Structure formats: structure tokens, C-alpha cells
């Protein structure tokens, strides 16, 4: 059971990091386009 919680946590953590990364990249692209 403990292992399952750990796997779930690390999975959510990866998804969260990827989501943040995409948002950051989008922000950079917007800034590049604006000048």
C-alpha cells in the first residue's frame, strides 16, 4: 500500500512539473513575440 502511494505521488509530481514547464515555455514564447 505504501509503495502504491509513493508511485501515485511521483506520477502526480511528474505531471505537475511538466505542466509548469509547458506554461513557462508558453510565457517565453509570448514574450518573444511581443518583443
Protein backbone atom coordinates (compact mmCIF):
# COMPACT_ATOMS: atom_id res chain seq x y z
CA UNK A 1 0.00 0.00 0.00
CA UNK A 2 2.77 2.41 0.93
CA UNK A 3 4.53 1.72 -2.38
CA UNK A 4 1.33 2.47 -4.28
CA UNK A 5 1.00 5.87 -2.59
CA UNK A 6 4.63 6.62 -3.42
CA UNK A 7 4.13 5.73 -7.09
CA UNK A 8 0.98 7.82 -7.28
CA UNK A 9 2.79 10.75 -5.67
CA UNK A 10 5.75 10.58 -8.04
CA UNK A 11 3.39 10.29 -11.03
CA UNK A 12 1.45 13.38 -9.98
CA UNK A 13 4.73 15.17 -9.32
CA UNK A 14 5.93 14.46 -12.89
CA UNK A 15 2.66 15.64 -14.40
CA UNK A 16 2.77 18.80 -12.29
CA UNK A 17 6.35 19.57 -13.32
CA UNK A 18 5.55 19.00 -16.99
CA UNK A 19 2.53 21.29 -16.74
CA UNK A 20 4.63 24.04 -15.15
CA UNK A 21 7.29 23.55 -17.82
CA UNK A 22 4.73 23.95 -20.61
CA UNK A 23 3.33 27.11 -19.02
CA UNK A 24 6.82 28.58 -18.64
CA UNK A 25 7.62 27.81 -22.29
CA UNK A 26 4.35 29.41 -23.37
CA UNK A 27 5.19 32.52 -21.37
CA UNK A 28 8.61 32.73 -23.00
CA UNK A 29 7.08 32.38 -26.46
CA UNK A 30 4.58 35.15 -25.72
CA UNK A 31 7.35 37.44 -24.51
CA UNK A 32 9.43 36.66 -27.61
CA UNK A 33 6.51 37.51 -29.89
CA UNK A 34 5.76 40.76 -28.08
CA UNK A 35 9.30 42.00 -28.42
